Protein backbone atom coordinates (compact mmCIF):
# COMPACT_ATOMS: atom_id res chain seq x y z
CA UNK A 1 -0.04 -0.03 -0.08
CA UNK A 2 2.97 2.36 0.65
CA UNK A 3 4.06 2.19 -2.85
CA UNK A 4 0.57 3.24 -4.40
CA UNK A 5 0.77 7.00 -3.63
CA UNK A 6 4.35 7.42 -5.16
CA UNK A 7 3.19 5.46 -8.27
CA UNK A 8 0.11 7.56 -8.58
CA UNK A 9 2.20 10.69 -8.17
CA UNK A 10 4.62 9.61 -10.94
CA UNK A 11 1.80 8.60 -13.21
CA UNK A 12 0.21 12.03 -12.91
CA UNK A 13 3.65 13.78 -13.41
CA UNK A 14 4.05 11.76 -16.65
CA UNK A 15 0.60 12.67 -17.82
CA UNK A 16 1.71 16.36 -17.52
CA UNK A 17 5.02 15.91 -19.25
CA UNK A 18 3.59 13.84 -22.07
CA UNK A 19 0.77 16.26 -22.89
CA UNK A 20 1.64 17.77 -26.19
CA UNK A 21 -1.51 19.71 -26.78
CA UNK A 22 -2.31 22.77 -24.69
CA UNK A 23 -5.07 22.24 -22.26
CA UNK A 24 -8.20 24.30 -22.47
CA UNK A 25 -9.93 25.47 -19.17
CA UNK A 26 -10.04 22.88 -16.42
CA UNK A 27 -13.70 23.76 -15.50
CA UNK A 28 -16.45 22.78 -17.93
CA UNK A 29 -19.05 25.45 -17.18
CA UNK A 30 -22.76 24.46 -17.50
CA UNK A 31 -24.34 26.25 -20.56
CA UNK A 32 -26.18 28.77 -18.52
CA UNK A 33 -22.75 30.11 -17.07
CA UNK A 34 -20.85 30.16 -20.18
CA UNK A 35 -22.62 33.42 -21.33
CA UNK A 36 -23.50 34.67 -17.83
CA UNK A 37 -19.96 35.73 -16.89
CA UNK A 38 -18.76 36.18 -13.32
CA UNK A 39 -17.76 39.93 -13.26
CA UNK A 40 -18.65 41.53 -10.00
CA UNK A 41 -19.09 38.30 -7.86
CA UNK A 42 -17.19 37.11 -4.98
CA UNK A 43 -15.72 33.49 -4.48
CA UNK A 44 -14.75 31.43 -1.49
CA UNK A 45 -12.28 28.59 -1.93
CA UNK A 46 -12.86 25.36 0.03
CA UNK A 47 -10.05 22.74 -0.06
CA UNK A 48 -12.06 19.62 0.96
CA UNK A 49 -9.08 17.47 2.12
CA UNK A 50 -5.43 17.49 2.90
CA UNK A 51 -3.27 18.58 0.07
CA UNK A 52 -1.19 15.69 -1.09
CA UNK A 53 2.62 16.45 -1.48
CA UNK A 54 5.05 14.13 -2.92
CA UNK A 55 8.32 16.28 -3.25
CA UNK A 56 11.92 14.89 -3.03
CA UNK A 57 13.60 18.26 -3.57
CA UNK A 58 14.84 20.94 -1.08
CA UNK A 59 12.50 23.97 -0.20
CA UNK A 60 14.58 25.50 2.44
CA UNK A 61 15.96 28.18 0.16
CA UNK A 62 12.59 29.62 -0.51
CA UNK A 63 10.40 28.47 2.36
CA UNK A 64 12.69 28.21 5.25
CA UNK A 65 12.89 25.40 7.71
CA UNK A 66 10.06 23.30 8.73
CA UNK A 67 8.03 20.18 7.73
CA UNK A 68 8.32 20.07 3.85
CA UNK A 69 4.65 19.04 3.22
CA UNK A 70 3.34 21.65 5.61
CA UNK A 71 5.26 24.41 4.23
CA UNK A 72 4.13 23.60 0.60
CA UNK A 73 0.50 23.21 1.68
CA UNK A 74 0.68 26.60 3.45
CA UNK A 75 2.19 28.22 0.28
CA UNK A 76 -0.62 27.04 -1.73
CA UNK A 77 -3.37 28.07 0.67
CA UNK A 78 -1.92 31.54 0.91
CA UNK A 79 -1.03 32.12 -2.88
CA UNK A 80 -3.76 30.28 -4.75
CA UNK A 81 -6.70 32.50 -3.81
CA UNK A 82 -4.62 35.60 -4.89
CA UNK A 83 -3.61 34.11 -8.14
CA UNK A 84 -7.17 32.85 -8.84
CA UNK A 85 -8.57 36.39 -8.31
CA UNK A 86 -5.91 37.94 -10.71
CA UNK A 87 -6.76 35.43 -13.35
CA UNK A 88 -10.53 35.35 -13.00
CA UNK A 89 -13.55 37.93 -12.99
CA UNK A 90 -14.25 37.74 -9.44
CA UNK A 91 -13.84 40.70 -7.46
CA UNK A 92 -12.70 38.91 -4.40
CA UNK A 93 -11.45 35.38 -3.72
CA UNK A 94 -10.53 34.00 -0.19
CA UNK A 95 -10.03 31.07 1.78
CA UNK A 96 -12.14 31.21 4.86
CA UNK A 97 -13.90 28.99 7.51
CA UNK A 98 -17.36 27.86 6.56
CA UNK A 99 -19.86 28.51 9.39
CA UNK A 100 -22.65 26.55 7.65
CA UNK A 101 -23.06 22.72 8.46
CA UNK A 102 -23.67 20.87 5.36
CA UNK A 103 -23.47 17.12 4.00
CA UNK A 104 -21.93 16.53 0.63
CA UNK A 105 -22.72 14.54 -2.45
CA UNK A 106 -20.36 13.17 -5.02
CA UNK A 107 -20.32 14.10 -8.65
CA UNK A 108 -18.16 12.30 -11.33
CA UNK A 109 -15.38 14.27 -13.18
CA UNK A 110 -14.01 13.29 -16.44
CA UNK A 111 -10.36 12.73 -15.78
CA UNK A 112 -7.48 10.47 -17.06
CA UNK A 113 -6.60 9.56 -13.45
CA UNK A 114 -8.99 7.15 -11.93
CA UNK A 115 -8.27 8.51 -8.29
CA UNK A 116 -9.12 12.10 -9.52
CA UNK A 117 -12.42 11.19 -11.15
CA UNK A 118 -14.85 12.80 -8.76
CA UNK A 119 -15.41 15.77 -6.45
CA UNK A 120 -17.95 16.59 -3.75
CA UNK A 121 -20.53 19.51 -3.52
CA UNK A 122 -23.12 20.65 -0.94
CA UNK A 123 -26.28 18.41 -0.59
CA UNK A 124 -29.73 19.64 -0.58
CA UNK A 125 -29.03 22.82 -2.57
CA UNK A 126 -27.31 24.43 0.43
CA UNK A 127 -26.20 27.98 0.48
CA UNK A 128 -22.93 28.27 2.35
CA UNK A 129 -22.09 31.20 4.63
CA UNK A 130 -18.43 31.92 5.83
CA UNK A 131 -16.96 34.20 8.52
CA UNK A 132 -16.55 36.84 5.94
CA UNK A 133 -20.04 36.63 4.66
CA UNK A 134 -22.02 34.71 2.00
CA UNK A 135 -20.07 34.48 -1.23
CA UNK A 136 -21.67 34.37 -4.77
CA UNK A 137 -19.65 31.21 -5.60
CA UNK A 138 -17.79 28.61 -3.92
CA UNK A 139 -14.85 26.70 -5.71
CA UNK A 140 -14.33 23.29 -4.20
CA UNK A 141 -11.02 21.73 -4.61
CA UNK A 142 -10.64 18.04 -3.98
CA UNK A 143 -7.78 15.67 -4.18
CA UNK A 144 -5.12 18.45 -4.81
CA UNK A 145 -1.63 17.16 -5.40
CA UNK A 146 1.71 18.83 -5.58
CA UNK A 147 4.35 16.45 -6.92
CA UNK A 148 7.97 16.96 -7.83
CA UNK A 149 10.26 14.08 -8.62
CA UNK A 150 13.84 14.11 -10.04
CA UNK A 151 13.61 12.16 -13.41
CA UNK A 152 16.49 10.56 -15.17
CA UNK A 153 16.51 10.58 -18.96
CA UNK A 154 15.13 6.94 -19.18
CA UNK A 155 11.99 8.20 -17.24
CA UNK A 156 11.64 11.26 -19.51
CA UNK A 157 11.90 9.03 -22.48
CA UNK A 158 9.12 6.98 -21.15
CA UNK A 159 7.18 10.03 -20.42
CA UNK A 160 7.59 11.42 -24.00
CA UNK A 161 6.97 8.06 -25.60
CA UNK A 162 4.49 9.77 -28.06
CA UNK A 163 7.13 12.05 -29.28
CA UNK A 164 8.72 9.84 -31.96
CA UNK A 165 9.38 9.35 -35.66
CA UNK A 166 9.85 6.11 -37.69
CA UNK A 167 12.33 5.54 -40.51
CA UNK A 168 10.74 2.94 -42.97
CA UNK A 169 12.46 -0.34 -43.33
CA UNK A 170 13.24 -2.31 -46.44
CA UNK A 171 10.10 -3.96 -48.16
CA UNK A 172 8.69 -6.44 -45.90
CA UNK A 173 10.86 -5.45 -43.04
CA UNK A 174 9.84 -3.30 -40.00
CA UNK A 175 10.89 0.34 -39.72
CA UNK A 176 13.00 1.77 -36.90
CA UNK A 177 11.37 4.13 -34.42
CA UNK A 178 13.28 6.76 -32.61
CA UNK A 179 11.93 8.45 -29.35
CA UNK A 180 13.62 11.83 -28.76
CA UNK A 181 14.25 13.70 -25.81
CA UNK A 182 14.58 17.50 -25.92
CA UNK A 183 17.87 18.44 -24.21
CA UNK A 184 15.98 21.33 -22.55
CA UNK A 185 13.54 19.02 -20.91
CA UNK A 186 13.41 19.47 -17.00
CA UNK A 187 15.22 17.19 -14.70
CA UNK A 188 12.87 17.94 -11.88
CA UNK A 189 9.42 18.83 -13.07
CA UNK A 190 6.71 20.14 -10.58
CA UNK A 191 3.00 19.37 -11.26
CA UNK A 192 -0.16 20.55 -9.70
CA UNK A 193 -3.29 18.31 -10.25
CA UNK A 194 -6.86 18.45 -8.68
CA UNK A 195 -10.52 18.14 -9.42
CA UNK A 196 -12.87 21.18 -8.97
CA UNK A 197 -16.64 22.01 -8.57
CA UNK A 198 -17.63 25.76 -8.98
CA UNK A 199 -20.83 25.98 -6.84
CA UNK A 200 -23.39 28.79 -7.45
CA UNK A 201 -24.10 29.71 -3.90
CA UNK A 202 -26.99 31.85 -4.54
CA UNK A 203 -29.03 29.40 -6.60
CA UNK A 204 -27.59 26.17 -4.71
CA UNK A 205 -26.33 24.27 -7.95
CA UNK A 206 -23.28 23.43 -9.72
CA UNK A 207 -22.05 26.00 -12.30
CA UNK A 208 -19.20 23.83 -13.48
CA UNK A 209 -16.80 21.13 -12.65
CA UNK A 210 -13.63 19.49 -13.96
CA UNK A 211 -10.08 18.18 -13.52
CA UNK A 212 -6.90 19.80 -14.26
CA UNK A 213 -3.19 19.28 -14.24
CA UNK A 214 -0.28 21.44 -15.02
CA UNK A 215 3.42 21.16 -14.93
CA UNK A 216 6.44 23.53 -15.04
CA UNK A 217 9.77 22.29 -15.85
CA UNK A 218 12.84 23.29 -13.97
CA UNK A 219 16.60 22.44 -13.53
CA UNK A 220 17.63 20.40 -10.58
CA UNK A 221 16.37 22.90 -8.05
CA UNK A 222 12.91 24.68 -7.96
CA UNK A 223 13.18 28.50 -7.65
CA UNK A 224 10.99 31.00 -6.30
CA UNK A 225 9.93 32.14 -9.89
CA UNK A 226 8.71 28.45 -10.55
CA UNK A 227 6.53 28.21 -7.67
CA UNK A 228 5.04 31.74 -8.65
CA UNK A 229 4.63 30.70 -12.21
CA UNK A 230 3.00 27.42 -11.68
CA UNK A 231 0.54 28.64 -9.16
CA UNK A 232 -0.50 31.60 -11.40
CA UNK A 233 -0.75 29.56 -14.57
CA UNK A 234 -2.71 26.73 -12.77
CA UNK A 235 -5.23 29.20 -11.41
CA UNK A 236 -5.61 30.84 -14.69
CA UNK A 237 -6.20 27.47 -16.48
CA UNK A 238 -9.36 26.97 -14.35
CA UNK A 239 -10.94 29.36 -16.63
CA UNK A 240 -13.48 31.42 -14.80
CA UNK A 241 -13.69 34.72 -16.76
């Protein structure tokens, strides 16, 4: 059982690396909300469970001393709402304590990762209140993972398996296929992945849901700019304009 989480983390990382087509918005909005827009609305962020961290690099140079997972989780909780507000139409985005007691229901999410194929939302069309008030929308984040593993060239080759070309062989003979690695590929990529539900807190219904993953390539160490870039791009790709 101990080996399952590292294997899942590496699989998600490989999915990010091998994606050759730019991903569209993570959230698939319901039809009504595609035209409605979100300008002038507020949004609370609820992280439904503990952020999963599988990180074998050093973080002391940027985060300081402390438990690595705790430092990374706190960084995300602090910086994601700021980035999401900057990259969305919402006038205010915040993480706050919910003061409403509510039960949850499960909704399926289309995802290439079986463990990230669902998310939760409030049961019985609940409107949720927080210490700061009652937001117009709530973004639920579930099964959030932050992964960084140092990969050798063989692993990078496997991750980029689709990036290949074939030289035809002689008549009746198989050709020879070459799988190429870009020398600028990262040695230590970092990835974010999660499922989402955007909850219309006024009408008590799901406005959109989806799965998203995003990777930033780095050298052997992850610098401050990389953390800022992946958090900013990940929040922008959720796609609430």
